[in-house]
Amino acid sequence: MPITEYVLCALLCLVCMICAYTDIKYGKIKNIITIPSALFAFTVNFICQKNNGTLRIYLLNLAVIIAFSMILYFLHFWSAGDSKLLIFVICALPVKIYADMLRGYFSSFALVMVIFSVSFLYLFFESIVLRIRKTDYLRPENGKFLFFIISCLRGFSCITTCNTVFFTFMRDFYIQNQYLFMMLNFFVVIFISRLKIFSKLKYVIGFFVFSILTAVCTDYGERLLHADYRIFLLFFVLLLMRNFMNRYNYKKINVSDLREGMIVSLNSLVSVTDLKNKMPEKYDEPCSSRLTAEECEYIQNIAKTKNTDSLYVLRGIPFGVLISVSAILFTVFGEIYVNTKL
């Protein structure tokens, strides 16, 4: 690779290490680090890819990863700092590193797959450690089996219906860019799960029957049986792992230790009479529902009157660290892969 691309890779690793440190120490990723670095990396990479004749691939992947990152932010999956860090990474990453990793136009989704794989493995093994230690991280109320069934049927129906439409109207593009559509499936499943109508079993069963009929009545039914069944197997495995990890998503703390920025579980809010009435109207435990200083003070005051000593808060997921580690691993092994091909 040209010397400029090695500089970009070195910059990527350096900024990721700094962001991981600030995320651990301060709990946030600072704009003064990511924004100037992203602008500099984009300028250098733009010139570099233009000289290499890969500018179109670079801009396409840059656009789709920026959109992906922003959607995750607006869905409250992670914070604005995490989104900006991912945008910096794709700005700095040379096209040669990811160009041949996946088939299709959007091969940079290989990076996204690595990030989610590392994050999921981290959460899974951390949950196992917490279980072995018998740490009090259990949710006040574990999810019921019916909720798991509804989640399975709802996810299967969403994926089947979406992929039937995609496969019917853009078959070749769908086949060549399978991973892009897997990410779209992910967003649709999250969005549908937040609609109240799809929390009821009778509507979910109706949606499930509809999705099966649409697949059977089109050519997608055959592809589902011979190729895309792997998507549903992966979805089912991830759902099982998430169901296990959700038991350890919360930790018990003293009310006096409640701090600004924490996310209190709905069960804890409801356990204190009228507490939820003072909270945001759409409080549903996403990143957007982090407590303000005033809300912390209110909770602590009313908890004293209700003789409540402890609450459950959401266990923090260090996405900044996980993105940084994933990006560094992806860059290092990507460089090794590119050099071995030459």
C-alpha atoms as a PDB file:
ATOM      1  CA  MET A   1       0.000   0.000   0.000  1.00  0.00           C
ATOM      2  CA  PRO A   2       1.129   3.630  -0.551  1.00  0.00           C
ATOM      3  CA  ILE A   3       2.704   5.427   2.401  1.00  0.00           C
ATOM      4  CA  THR A   4      -0.396   7.642   2.775  1.00  0.00           C
ATOM      5  CA  GLU A   5      -2.556   4.576   3.428  1.00  0.00           C
ATOM      6  CA  TYR A   6      -0.154   3.364   6.105  1.00  0.00           C
ATOM      7  CA  VAL A   7      -0.415   6.826   7.692  1.00  0.00           C
ATOM      8  CA  LEU A   8      -4.214   6.540   7.626  1.00  0.00           C
ATOM      9  CA  CYS A   9      -4.068   3.121   9.295  1.00  0.00           C
ATOM     10  CA  ALA A  10      -1.701   4.441  11.963  1.00  0.00           C
ATOM     11  CA  LEU A  11      -3.994   7.434  12.567  1.00  0.00           C
ATOM     12  CA  LEU A  12      -6.988   5.092  12.842  1.00  0.00           C
ATOM     13  CA  CYS A  13      -5.283   2.942  15.467  1.00  0.00           C
ATOM     14  CA  LEU A  14      -4.065   5.975  17.440  1.00  0.00           C
ATOM     15  CA  VAL A  15      -7.450   7.732  17.510  1.00  0.00           C
ATOM     16  CA  CYS A  16      -9.241   4.490  18.409  1.00  0.00           C
ATOM     17  CA  MET A  17      -6.891   3.926  21.364  1.00  0.00           C
ATOM     18  CA  ILE A  18      -7.467   7.510  22.577  1.00  0.00           C
ATOM     19  CA  CYS A  19     -11.246   7.135  22.232  1.00  0.00           C
ATOM     20  CA  ALA A  20     -11.194   3.810  24.076  1.00  0.00           C
ATOM     21  CA  TYR A  21      -9.277   5.479  26.919  1.00  0.00           C
ATOM     22  CA  THR A  22     -11.673   8.450  27.168  1.00  0.00           C
ATOM     23  CA  ASP A  23     -14.675   6.115  27.009  1.00  0.00           C
ATOM     24  CA  ILE A  24     -13.314   4.108  29.948  1.00  0.00           C
ATOM     25  CA  LYS A  25     -12.126   7.088  31.998  1.00  0.00           C
ATOM     26  CA  TYR A  26     -14.844   9.673  31.301  1.00  0.00           C
ATOM     27  CA  GLY A  27     -17.679   7.538  29.905  1.00  0.00           C
ATOM     28  CA  LYS A  28     -17.814   9.455  26.633  1.00  0.00           C
ATOM     29  CA  ILE A  29     -15.990  10.048  23.367  1.00  0.00           C
ATOM     30  CA  LYS A  30     -15.007  13.666  22.838  1.00  0.00           C
ATOM     31  CA  ASN A  31     -15.860  15.554  19.644  1.00  0.00           C
ATOM     32  CA  ILE A  32     -12.517  17.363  19.749  1.00  0.00           C
ATOM     33  CA  ILE A  33     -10.906  14.012  18.931  1.00  0.00           C
ATOM     34  CA  THR A  34     -13.266  12.400  16.419  1.00  0.00           C
ATOM     35  CA  ILE A  35     -14.489  15.333  14.294  1.00  0.00           C
ATOM     36  CA  PRO A  36     -11.121  16.922  13.303  1.00  0.00           C
ATOM     37  CA  SER A  37      -9.631  13.434  12.834  1.00  0.00           C
ATOM     38  CA  ALA A  38     -12.528  12.393  10.577  1.00  0.00           C
ATOM     39  CA  LEU A  39     -12.206  15.540   8.440  1.00  0.00           C
ATOM     40  CA  PHE A  40      -8.445  15.068   8.053  1.00  0.00           C
ATOM     41  CA  ALA A  41      -8.793  11.342   7.292  1.00  0.00           C
ATOM     42  CA  PHE A  42     -11.548  11.965   4.738  1.00  0.00           C
ATOM     43  CA  THR A  43      -9.457  14.580   2.899  1.00  0.00           C
ATOM     44  CA  VAL A  44      -6.366  12.353   2.707  1.00  0.00           C
ATOM     45  CA  ASN A  45      -8.329   9.196   1.873  1.00  0.00           C
ATOM     46  CA  PHE A  46     -10.380  11.008  -0.794  1.00  0.00           C
ATOM     47  CA  ILE A  47      -7.209  12.051  -2.623  1.00  0.00           C
ATOM     48  CA  CYS A  48      -5.641   8.639  -2.149  1.00  0.00           C
ATOM     49  CA  GLN A  49      -8.641   6.686  -3.455  1.00  0.00           C
ATOM     50  CA  LYS A  50      -9.031   9.089  -6.385  1.00  0.00           C
ATOM     51  CA  ASN A  51      -5.449   8.338  -7.427  1.00  0.00           C
ATOM     52  CA  ASN A  52      -6.084   4.598  -6.998  1.00  0.00           C
ATOM     53  CA  GLY A  53      -9.286   4.665  -9.078  1.00  0.00           C
ATOM     54  CA  THR A  54     -11.395   3.424  -6.147  1.00  0.00           C
ATOM     55  CA  LEU A  55     -13.072   6.709  -5.223  1.00  0.00           C
ATOM     56  CA  ARG A  56     -16.568   5.491  -6.183  1.00  0.00           C
ATOM     57  CA  ILE A  57     -16.265   2.442  -3.927  1.00  0.00           C
ATOM     58  CA  TYR A  58     -14.953   4.617  -1.092  1.00  0.00           C
ATOM     59  CA  LEU A  59     -17.805   7.131  -1.315  1.00  0.00           C
ATOM     60  CA  LEU A  60     -20.485   4.420  -1.588  1.00  0.00           C
ATOM     61  CA  ASN A  61     -19.227   2.624   1.493  1.00  0.00           C
ATOM     62  CA  LEU A  62     -18.710   5.876   3.350  1.00  0.00           C
ATOM     63  CA  ALA A  63     -22.309   6.939   2.661  1.00  0.00           C
ATOM     64  CA  VAL A  64     -23.867   3.635   3.709  1.00  0.00           C
ATOM     65  CA  ILE A  65     -21.827   3.344   6.935  1.00  0.00           C
ATOM     66  CA  ILE A  66     -22.654   6.943   7.890  1.00  0.00           C
ATOM     67  CA  ALA A  67     -26.343   6.196   7.322  1.00  0.00           C
ATOM     68  CA  PHE A  68     -26.038   2.949   9.303  1.00  0.00           C
ATOM     69  CA  SER A  69     -24.296   4.712  12.186  1.00  0.00           C
ATOM     70  CA  MET A  70     -26.841   7.533  12.334  1.00  0.00           C
ATOM     71  CA  ILE A  71     -29.790   5.119  12.242  1.00  0.00           C
ATOM     72  CA  LEU A  72     -28.347   3.266  15.235  1.00  0.00           C
ATOM     73  CA  TYR A  73     -28.067   6.582  17.046  1.00  0.00           C
ATOM     74  CA  PHE A  74     -31.651   7.635  16.270  1.00  0.00           C
ATOM     75  CA  LEU A  75     -32.832   4.174  17.352  1.00  0.00           C
ATOM     76  CA  HIS A  76     -31.027   4.853  20.669  1.00  0.00           C
ATOM     77  CA  PHE A  77     -28.877   1.759  20.155  1.00  0.00           C
ATOM     78  CA  TRP A  78     -25.744   3.694  21.056  1.00  0.00           C
ATOM     79  CA  SER A  79     -24.642   7.262  21.743  1.00  0.00           C
ATOM     80  CA  ALA A  80     -23.703  10.098  19.391  1.00  0.00           C
ATOM     81  CA  GLY A  81     -20.026   9.643  20.311  1.00  0.00           C
ATOM     82  CA  ASP A  82     -20.116   6.004  19.201  1.00  0.00           C
ATOM     83  CA  SER A  83     -21.650   7.044  15.869  1.00  0.00           C
ATOM     84  CA  LYS A  84     -18.969   9.662  15.290  1.00  0.00           C
ATOM     85  CA  LEU A  85     -16.244   7.155  16.123  1.00  0.00           C
ATOM     86  CA  LEU A  86     -17.564   4.674  13.551  1.00  0.00           C
ATOM     87  CA  ILE A  87     -17.812   7.472  10.972  1.00  0.00           C
ATOM     88  CA  PHE A  88     -14.182   8.389  11.647  1.00  0.00           C
ATOM     89  CA  VAL A  89     -13.134   4.762  11.203  1.00  0.00           C
ATOM     90  CA  ILE A  90     -14.773   4.445   7.779  1.00  0.00           C
ATOM     91  CA  CYS A  91     -13.337   7.845   6.763  1.00  0.00           C
ATOM     92  CA  ALA A  92      -9.812   6.651   7.576  1.00  0.00           C
ATOM     93  CA  LEU A  93     -10.035   3.039   6.399  1.00  0.00           C
ATOM     94  CA  PRO A  94      -8.361   2.441   3.004  1.00  0.00           C
ATOM     95  CA  VAL A  95     -10.569   0.691   0.449  1.00  0.00           C
ATOM     96  CA  LYS A  96      -7.962  -2.028  -0.209  1.00  0.00           C
ATOM     97  CA  ILE A  97      -8.443  -3.415   3.293  1.00  0.00           C
ATOM     98  CA  TYR A  98     -12.113  -4.283   2.858  1.00  0.00           C
ATOM     99  CA  ALA A  99     -12.681  -4.274  -0.916  1.00  0.00           C
ATOM    100  CA  ASP A 100     -12.432  -8.062  -1.353  1.00  0.00           C
ATOM    101  CA  MET A 101     -13.796  -9.213   2.005  1.00  0.00           C
ATOM    102  CA  LEU A 102     -17.444  -9.410   0.952  1.00  0.00           C
ATOM    103  CA  ARG A 103     -19.193  -9.760  -2.378  1.00  0.00           C
ATOM    104  CA  GLY A 104     -21.047  -6.717  -3.677  1.00  0.00           C
ATOM    105  CA  TYR A 105     -20.719  -2.958  -3.521  1.00  0.00           C
ATOM    106  CA  PHE A 106     -20.792  -2.543   0.248  1.00  0.00           C
ATOM    107  CA  SER A 107     -17.941  -4.736   1.449  1.00  0.00           C
ATOM    108  CA  SER A 108     -17.244  -2.347   4.348  1.00  0.00           C
ATOM    109  CA  PHE A 109     -20.073  -4.160   6.162  1.00  0.00           C
ATOM    110  CA  ALA A 110     -17.376  -6.681   7.025  1.00  0.00           C
ATOM    111  CA  LEU A 111     -16.216  -4.084   9.573  1.00  0.00           C
ATOM    112  CA  VAL A 112     -19.744  -3.813  10.998  1.00  0.00           C
ATOM    113  CA  MET A 113     -19.921  -7.602  11.285  1.00  0.00           C
ATOM    114  CA  VAL A 114     -16.634  -7.637  13.215  1.00  0.00           C
ATOM    115  CA  ILE A 115     -17.852  -4.875  15.567  1.00  0.00           C
ATOM    116  CA  PHE A 116     -21.092  -6.675  16.342  1.00  0.00           C
ATOM    117  CA  SER A 117     -19.326 -10.033  16.711  1.00  0.00           C
ATOM    118  CA  VAL A 118     -16.806  -8.619  19.188  1.00  0.00           C
ATOM    119  CA  SER A 119     -19.574  -6.785  21.092  1.00  0.00           C
ATOM    120  CA  PHE A 120     -21.762  -9.860  21.298  1.00  0.00           C
ATOM    121  CA  LEU A 121     -18.893 -12.069  22.434  1.00  0.00           C
ATOM    122  CA  TYR A 122     -17.960  -9.511  25.085  1.00  0.00           C
ATOM    123  CA  LEU A 123     -21.513  -9.373  26.440  1.00  0.00           C
ATOM    124  CA  PHE A 124     -21.942 -13.135  26.290  1.00  0.00           C
ATOM    125  CA  PHE A 125     -18.750 -13.991  28.163  1.00  0.00           C
ATOM    126  CA  GLU A 126     -19.256 -11.159  30.650  1.00  0.00           C
ATOM    127  CA  SER A 127     -22.718 -12.578  31.414  1.00  0.00           C
ATOM    128  CA  ILE A 128     -21.165 -16.008  31.987  1.00  0.00           C
ATOM    129  CA  VAL A 129     -18.597 -14.492  34.368  1.00  0.00           C
ATOM    130  CA  LEU A 130     -21.349 -12.678  36.265  1.00  0.00           C
ATOM    131  CA  ARG A 131     -23.323 -15.911  36.524  1.00  0.00           C
ATOM    132  CA  ILE A 132     -20.303 -17.813  37.849  1.00  0.00           C
ATOM    133  CA  ARG A 133     -19.653 -15.095  40.413  1.00  0.00           C
ATOM    134  CA  LYS A 134     -23.375 -15.100  41.270  1.00  0.00           C
ATOM    135  CA  THR A 135     -23.310 -11.332  41.061  1.00  0.00           C
ATOM    136  CA  ASP A 136     -26.641  -9.627  41.708  1.00  0.00           C
ATOM    137  CA  TYR A 137     -27.142  -8.475  38.133  1.00  0.00           C
ATOM    138  CA  LEU A 138     -30.453 -10.245  37.581  1.00  0.00           C
ATOM    139  CA  ARG A 139     -33.395  -8.219  36.375  1.00  0.00           C
ATOM    140  CA  PRO A 140     -36.177  -7.842  38.932  1.00  0.00           C
ATOM    141  CA  GLU A 141     -38.468  -9.786  36.606  1.00  0.00           C
ATOM    142  CA  ASN A 142     -37.151 -12.185  33.997  1.00  0.00           C
ATOM    143  CA  GLY A 143     -38.851 -12.292  30.621  1.00  0.00           C
ATOM    144  CA  LYS A 144     -41.562 -14.858  30.151  1.00  0.00           C
ATOM    145  CA  PHE A 145     -41.455 -17.691  27.634  1.00  0.00           C
ATOM    146  CA  LEU A 146     -44.362 -16.098  25.746  1.00  0.00           C
ATOM    147  CA  PHE A 147     -42.291 -12.970  25.135  1.00  0.00           C
ATOM    148  CA  PHE A 148     -39.531 -15.123  23.628  1.00  0.00           C
ATOM    149  CA  ILE A 149     -42.029 -16.846  21.308  1.00  0.00           C
ATOM    150  CA  ILE A 150     -43.455 -13.506  20.207  1.00  0.00           C
ATOM    151  CA  SER A 151     -39.935 -12.214  19.518  1.00  0.00           C
ATOM    152  CA  CYS A 152     -39.118 -15.284  17.406  1.00  0.00           C
ATOM    153  CA  LEU A 153     -42.297 -15.117  15.337  1.00  0.00           C
ATOM    154  CA  ARG A 154     -42.090 -11.347  14.933  1.00  0.00           C
ATOM    155  CA  GLY A 155     -38.463 -11.456  13.825  1.00  0.00           C
ATOM    156  CA  PHE A 156     -39.068 -14.327  11.413  1.00  0.00           C
ATOM    157  CA  SER A 157     -42.073 -12.521   9.916  1.00  0.00           C
ATOM    158  CA  CYS A 158     -40.187  -9.239   9.484  1.00  0.00           C
ATOM    159  CA  ILE A 159     -37.183 -10.860   7.841  1.00  0.00           C
ATOM    160  CA  THR A 160     -39.295 -13.051   5.554  1.00  0.00           C
ATOM    161  CA  THR A 161     -41.577 -10.226   4.407  1.00  0.00           C
ATOM    162  CA  CYS A 162     -38.710  -7.782   3.780  1.00  0.00           C
ATOM    163  CA  ASN A 163     -36.565 -10.296   1.926  1.00  0.00           C
ATOM    164  CA  THR A 164     -39.526 -11.420  -0.193  1.00  0.00           C
ATOM    165  CA  VAL A 165     -39.991  -7.836  -1.370  1.00  0.00           C
ATOM    166  CA  PHE A 166     -36.264  -7.287  -1.942  1.00  0.00           C
ATOM    167  CA  PHE A 167     -35.795 -10.592  -3.774  1.00  0.00           C
ATOM    168  CA  THR A 168     -38.862 -10.057  -5.965  1.00  0.00           C
ATOM    169  CA  PHE A 169     -38.066  -6.539  -7.148  1.00  0.00           C
ATOM    170  CA  MET A 170     -34.241  -6.446  -7.074  1.00  0.00           C
ATOM    171  CA  ARG A 171     -33.106 -10.057  -7.287  1.00  0.00           C
ATOM    172  CA  ASP A 172     -29.573  -9.619  -8.651  1.00  0.00           C
ATOM    173  CA  PHE A 173     -28.773  -6.696  -6.340  1.00  0.00           C
ATOM    174  CA  TYR A 174     -30.159  -8.659  -3.387  1.00  0.00           C
ATOM    175  CA  ILE A 175     -28.015 -11.703  -4.133  1.00  0.00           C
ATOM    176  CA  GLN A 176     -24.851  -9.631  -4.653  1.00  0.00           C
ATOM    177  CA  ASN A 177     -25.343  -7.506  -1.510  1.00  0.00           C
ATOM    178  CA  GLN A 178     -26.769 -10.031   0.945  1.00  0.00           C
ATOM    179  CA  TYR A 179     -25.034  -8.480   3.954  1.00  0.00           C
ATOM    180  CA  LEU A 180     -26.529  -5.056   3.280  1.00  0.00           C
ATOM    181  CA  PHE A 181     -30.010  -6.548   3.382  1.00  0.00           C
ATOM    182  CA  MET A 182     -29.183  -8.462   6.556  1.00  0.00           C
ATOM    183  CA  MET A 183     -28.485  -5.095   8.204  1.00  0.00           C
ATOM    184  CA  LEU A 184     -31.746  -3.724   6.846  1.00  0.00           C
ATOM    185  CA  ASN A 185     -33.493  -6.760   8.366  1.00  0.00           C
ATOM    186  CA  PHE A 186     -31.878  -5.839  11.678  1.00  0.00           C
ATOM    187  CA  PHE A 187     -33.284  -2.288  11.575  1.00  0.00           C
ATOM    188  CA  VAL A 188     -36.767  -3.427  10.567  1.00  0.00           C
ATOM    189  CA  VAL A 189     -36.907  -5.985  13.379  1.00  0.00           C
ATOM    190  CA  ILE A 190     -35.937  -3.298  15.919  1.00  0.00           C
ATOM    191  CA  PHE A 191     -38.499  -0.847  14.529  1.00  0.00           C
ATOM    192  CA  ILE A 192     -41.346  -3.385  14.398  1.00  0.00           C
ATOM    193  CA  SER A 193     -40.601  -4.587  17.940  1.00  0.00           C
ATOM    194  CA  ARG A 194     -41.325  -1.063  19.223  1.00  0.00           C
ATOM    195  CA  LEU A 195     -44.834  -0.979  17.759  1.00  0.00           C
ATOM    196  CA  LYS A 196     -47.370  -1.886  20.426  1.00  0.00           C
ATOM    197  CA  ILE A 197     -49.597  -3.760  17.985  1.00  0.00           C
ATOM    198  CA  PHE A 198     -46.839  -6.330  17.437  1.00  0.00           C
ATOM    199  CA  SER A 199     -46.492  -7.058  21.138  1.00  0.00           C
ATOM    200  CA  LYS A 200     -49.752  -9.023  21.042  1.00  0.00           C
ATOM    201  CA  LEU A 201     -49.621 -12.672  20.070  1.00  0.00           C
ATOM    202  CA  LYS A 202     -52.722 -12.670  17.836  1.00  0.00           C
ATOM    203  CA  TYR A 203     -51.340  -9.904  15.606  1.00  0.00           C
ATOM    204  CA  VAL A 204     -47.904 -11.512  15.488  1.00  0.00           C
ATOM    205  CA  ILE A 205     -49.439 -14.845  14.408  1.00  0.00           C
ATOM    206  CA  GLY A 206     -51.387 -13.036  11.681  1.00  0.00           C
ATOM    207  CA  PHE A 207     -48.184 -11.338  10.502  1.00  0.00           C
ATOM    208  CA  PHE A 208     -46.389 -14.700  10.567  1.00  0.00           C
ATOM    209  CA  VAL A 209     -49.048 -16.385   8.395  1.00  0.00           C
ATOM    210  CA  PHE A 210     -48.949 -13.435   5.973  1.00  0.00           C
ATOM    211  CA  SER A 211     -45.144 -13.644   5.647  1.00  0.00           C
ATOM    212  CA  ILE A 212     -45.250 -17.393   4.955  1.00  0.00           C
ATOM    213  CA  LEU A 213     -47.935 -16.976   2.285  1.00  0.00           C
ATOM    214  CA  THR A 214     -46.042 -14.188   0.518  1.00  0.00           C
ATOM    215  CA  ALA A 215     -42.851 -16.257   0.478  1.00  0.00           C
ATOM    216  CA  VAL A 216     -44.614 -19.396  -0.807  1.00  0.00           C
ATOM    217  CA  CYS A 217     -46.442 -17.459  -3.525  1.00  0.00           C
ATOM    218  CA  THR A 218     -43.200 -15.978  -4.880  1.00  0.00           C
ATOM    219  CA  ASP A 219     -39.801 -17.286  -5.933  1.00  0.00           C
ATOM    220  CA  TYR A 220     -38.362 -16.320  -2.555  1.00  0.00           C
ATOM    221  CA  GLY A 221     -39.848 -19.436  -0.961  1.00  0.00           C
ATOM    222  CA  GLU A 222     -37.324 -21.621  -2.782  1.00  0.00           C
ATOM    223  CA  ARG A 223     -34.406 -19.364  -1.865  1.00  0.00           C
ATOM    224  CA  LEU A 224     -35.570 -19.362   1.747  1.00  0.00           C
ATOM    225  CA  LEU A 225     -35.367 -23.153   1.913  1.00  0.00           C
ATOM    226  CA  HIS A 226     -32.023 -23.496   0.114  1.00  0.00           C
ATOM    227  CA  ALA A 227     -30.004 -20.417   1.141  1.00  0.00           C
ATOM    228  CA  ASP A 228     -31.630 -17.832   3.382  1.00  0.00           C
ATOM    229  CA  TYR A 229     -32.552 -20.336   6.096  1.00  0.00           C
ATOM    230  CA  ARG A 230     -29.093 -19.542   7.513  1.00  0.00           C
ATOM    231  CA  ILE A 231     -30.267 -15.984   8.273  1.00  0.00           C
ATOM    232  CA  PHE A 232     -33.056 -17.357  10.449  1.00  0.00           C
ATOM    233  CA  LEU A 233     -30.766 -19.825  12.196  1.00  0.00           C
ATOM    234  CA  LEU A 234     -28.414 -16.955  13.030  1.00  0.00           C
ATOM    235  CA  PHE A 235     -31.334 -14.821  14.212  1.00  0.00           C
ATOM    236  CA  PHE A 236     -32.580 -17.638  16.472  1.00  0.00           C
ATOM    237  CA  VAL A 237     -29.133 -18.204  18.000  1.00  0.00           C
ATOM    238  CA  LEU A 238     -28.708 -14.463  18.643  1.00  0.00           C
ATOM    239  CA  LEU A 239     -32.161 -14.333  20.219  1.00  0.00           C
ATOM    240  CA  LEU A 240     -31.290 -17.187  22.559  1.00  0.00           C
ATOM    241  CA  MET A 241     -28.041 -15.508  23.552  1.00  0.00           C
ATOM    242  CA  ARG A 242     -29.798 -12.183  24.082  1.00  0.00           C
ATOM    243  CA  ASN A 243     -32.430 -13.856  26.236  1.00  0.00           C
ATOM    244  CA  PHE A 244     -29.651 -15.249  28.413  1.00  0.00           C
ATOM    245  CA  MET A 245     -27.741 -11.966  28.584  1.00  0.00           C
ATOM    246  CA  ASN A 246     -30.837  -9.910  29.403  1.00  0.00           C
ATOM    247  CA  ARG A 247     -30.901 -11.570  32.814  1.00  0.00           C
ATOM    248  CA  TYR A 248     -27.622  -9.758  33.524  1.00  0.00           C
ATOM    249  CA  ASN A 249     -28.385  -6.461  31.797  1.00  0.00           C
ATOM    250  CA  TYR A 250     -29.074  -4.760  35.109  1.00  0.00           C
ATOM    251  CA  LYS A 251     -27.140  -4.307  38.301  1.00  0.00           C
ATOM    252  CA  LYS A 252     -28.445  -3.468  41.752  1.00  0.00           C
ATOM    253  CA  ILE A 253     -27.111  -0.258  43.325  1.00  0.00           C
ATOM    254  CA  ASN A 254     -27.907   1.803  46.394  1.00  0.00           C
ATOM    255  CA  VAL A 255     -30.218   4.739  45.720  1.00  0.00           C
ATOM    256  CA  SER A 256     -27.549   7.033  47.167  1.00  0.00           C
ATOM    257  CA  ASP A 257     -25.163   5.892  44.410  1.00  0.00           C
ATOM    258  CA  LEU A 258     -27.552   6.957  41.627  1.00  0.00           C
ATOM    259  CA  ARG A 259     -25.775   9.355  39.276  1.00  0.00           C
ATOM    260  CA  GLU A 260     -26.592  11.538  36.294  1.00  0.00           C
ATOM    261  CA  GLY A 261     -26.477   9.606  33.017  1.00  0.00           C
ATOM    262  CA  MET A 262     -27.620   6.276  34.462  1.00  0.00           C
ATOM    263  CA  ILE A 263     -30.667   4.434  33.078  1.00  0.00           C
ATOM    264  CA  VAL A 264     -33.056   3.026  35.683  1.00  0.00           C
ATOM    265  CA  SER A 265     -35.099  -0.085  34.849  1.00  0.00           C
ATOM    266  CA  LEU A 266     -38.825   0.371  34.357  1.00  0.00           C
ATOM    267  CA  ASN A 267     -39.524  -2.201  37.068  1.00  0.00           C
ATOM    268  CA  SER A 268     -37.597  -0.117  39.579  1.00  0.00           C
ATOM    269  CA  LEU A 269     -39.473   3.029  38.567  1.00  0.00           C
ATOM    270  CA  VAL A 270     -42.861   1.372  38.883  1.00  0.00           C
ATOM    271  CA  SER A 271     -41.914  -0.149  42.254  1.00  0.00           C
ATOM    272  CA  VAL A 272     -41.926   3.321  43.789  1.00  0.00           C
ATOM    273  CA  THR A 273     -45.434   4.840  43.830  1.00  0.00           C
ATOM    274  CA  ASP A 274     -45.923   7.699  41.317  1.00  0.00           C
ATOM    275  CA  LEU A 275     -42.217   7.718  40.498  1.00  0.00           C
ATOM    276  CA  LYS A 276     -42.710   7.122  36.797  1.00  0.00           C
ATOM    277  CA  ASN A 277     -45.157  10.027  36.575  1.00  0.00           C
ATOM    278  CA  LYS A 278     -42.232  12.415  37.025  1.00  0.00           C
ATOM    279  CA  MET A 279     -40.100  10.746  34.375  1.00  0.00           C
ATOM    280  CA  PRO A 280     -40.025  11.300  30.582  1.00  0.00           C
ATOM    281  CA  GLU A 281     -43.285  10.284  28.892  1.00  0.00           C
ATOM    282  CA  LYS A 282     -41.616   7.735  26.627  1.00  0.00           C
ATOM    283  CA  TYR A 283     -39.163   6.334  29.152  1.00  0.00           C
ATOM    284  CA  ASP A 284     -38.283   2.908  27.744  1.00  0.00           C
ATOM    285  CA  GLU A 285     -34.655   2.444  28.817  1.00  0.00           C
ATOM    286  CA  PRO A 286     -32.831   3.526  25.637  1.00  0.00           C
ATOM    287  CA  CYS A 287     -29.784   5.810  25.621  1.00  0.00           C
ATOM    288  CA  SER A 288     -32.140   8.800  25.298  1.00  0.00           C
ATOM    289  CA  SER A 289     -33.631   8.067  28.727  1.00  0.00           C
ATOM    290  CA  ARG A 290     -30.483   8.747  30.736  1.00  0.00           C
ATOM    291  CA  LEU A 291     -31.279  10.476  34.012  1.00  0.00           C
ATOM    292  CA  THR A 292     -30.675  14.162  34.511  1.00  0.00           C
ATOM    293  CA  ALA A 293     -29.288  15.548  37.772  1.00  0.00           C
ATOM    294  CA  GLU A 294     -32.775  16.776  38.754  1.00  0.00           C
ATOM    295  CA  GLU A 295     -34.328  13.345  38.116  1.00  0.00           C
ATOM    296  CA  CYS A 296     -31.625  11.662  40.202  1.00  0.00           C
ATOM    297  CA  GLU A 297     -32.334  14.024  43.071  1.00  0.00           C
ATOM    298  CA  TYR A 298     -36.079  13.427  42.777  1.00  0.00           C
ATOM    299  CA  ILE A 299     -35.630   9.638  42.804  1.00  0.00           C
ATOM    300  CA  GLN A 300     -33.360   9.783  45.850  1.00  0.00           C
ATOM    301  CA  ASN A 301     -35.781  11.999  47.755  1.00  0.00           C
ATOM    302  CA  ILE A 302     -38.906   9.977  47.052  1.00  0.00           C
ATOM    303  CA  ALA A 303     -37.079   6.694  47.657  1.00  0.00           C
ATOM    304  CA  LYS A 304     -36.404   7.815  51.213  1.00  0.00           C
ATOM    305  CA  THR A 305     -40.116   8.377  51.824  1.00  0.00           C
ATOM    306  CA  LYS A 306     -40.930   4.920  50.391  1.00  0.00           C
ATOM    307  CA  ASN A 307     -38.162   3.155  52.333  1.00  0.00           C
ATOM    308  CA  THR A 308     -36.525   2.041  49.083  1.00  0.00           C
ATOM    309  CA  ASP A 309     -32.816   1.408  49.550  1.00  0.00           C
ATOM    310  CA  SER A 310     -31.836   0.064  46.123  1.00  0.00           C
ATOM    311  CA  LEU A 311     -32.707   0.226  42.454  1.00  0.00           C
ATOM    312  CA  TYR A 312     -31.731  -1.635  39.298  1.00  0.00           C
ATOM    313  CA  VAL A 313     -29.870   0.332  36.625  1.00  0.00           C
ATOM    314  CA  LEU A 314     -28.846  -0.648  33.130  1.00  0.00           C
ATOM    315  CA  ARG A 315     -25.389  -2.136  32.944  1.00  0.00           C
ATOM    316  CA  GLY A 316     -23.248   0.085  30.744  1.00  0.00           C
ATOM    317  CA  ILE A 317     -21.952  -1.342  27.448  1.00  0.00           C
ATOM    318  CA  PRO A 318     -18.633   0.265  26.440  1.00  0.00           C
ATOM    319  CA  PHE A 319     -19.426   0.543  22.735  1.00  0.00           C
ATOM    320  CA  GLY A 320     -16.620   3.050  22.258  1.00  0.00           C
ATOM    321  CA  VAL A 321     -14.076   0.502  23.489  1.00  0.00           C
ATOM    322  CA  LEU A 322     -15.641  -2.322  21.474  1.00  0.00           C
ATOM    323  CA  ILE A 323     -15.710  -0.269  18.263  1.00  0.00           C
ATOM    324  CA  SER A 324     -12.090   0.781  18.823  1.00  0.00           C
ATOM    325  CA  VAL A 325     -10.846  -2.763  19.477  1.00  0.00           C
ATOM    326  CA  SER A 326     -12.797  -4.111  16.488  1.00  0.00           C
ATOM    327  CA  ALA A 327     -11.516  -1.382  14.160  1.00  0.00           C
ATOM    328  CA  ILE A 328      -7.885  -1.924  15.193  1.00  0.00           C
ATOM    329  CA  LEU A 329      -8.161  -5.699  14.744  1.00  0.00           C
ATOM    330  CA  PHE A 330      -9.896  -5.242  11.389  1.00  0.00           C
ATOM    331  CA  THR A 331      -7.207  -2.815  10.190  1.00  0.00           C
ATOM    332  CA  VAL A 332      -4.238  -4.894  11.340  1.00  0.00           C
ATOM    333  CA  PHE A 333      -5.492  -8.200   9.949  1.00  0.00           C
ATOM    334  CA  GLY A 334      -6.752  -6.410   6.830  1.00  0.00           C
ATOM    335  CA  GLU A 335      -3.266  -5.074   6.154  1.00  0.00           C
ATOM    336  CA  ILE A 336      -1.802  -8.536   6.655  1.00  0.00           C
ATOM    337  CA  TYR A 337      -4.375  -9.983   4.256  1.00  0.00           C
ATOM    338  CA  VAL A 338      -3.658  -7.339   1.599  1.00  0.00           C
ATOM    339  CA  ASN A 339       0.135  -7.786   1.884  1.00  0.00           C
ATOM    340  CA  THR A 340      -0.077 -11.581   1.599  1.00  0.00           C
ATOM    341  CA  LYS A 341      -2.061 -11.210  -1.648  1.00  0.00           C
ATOM    342  CA  LEU A 342       0.583  -9.009  -3.255  1.00  0.00           C
END
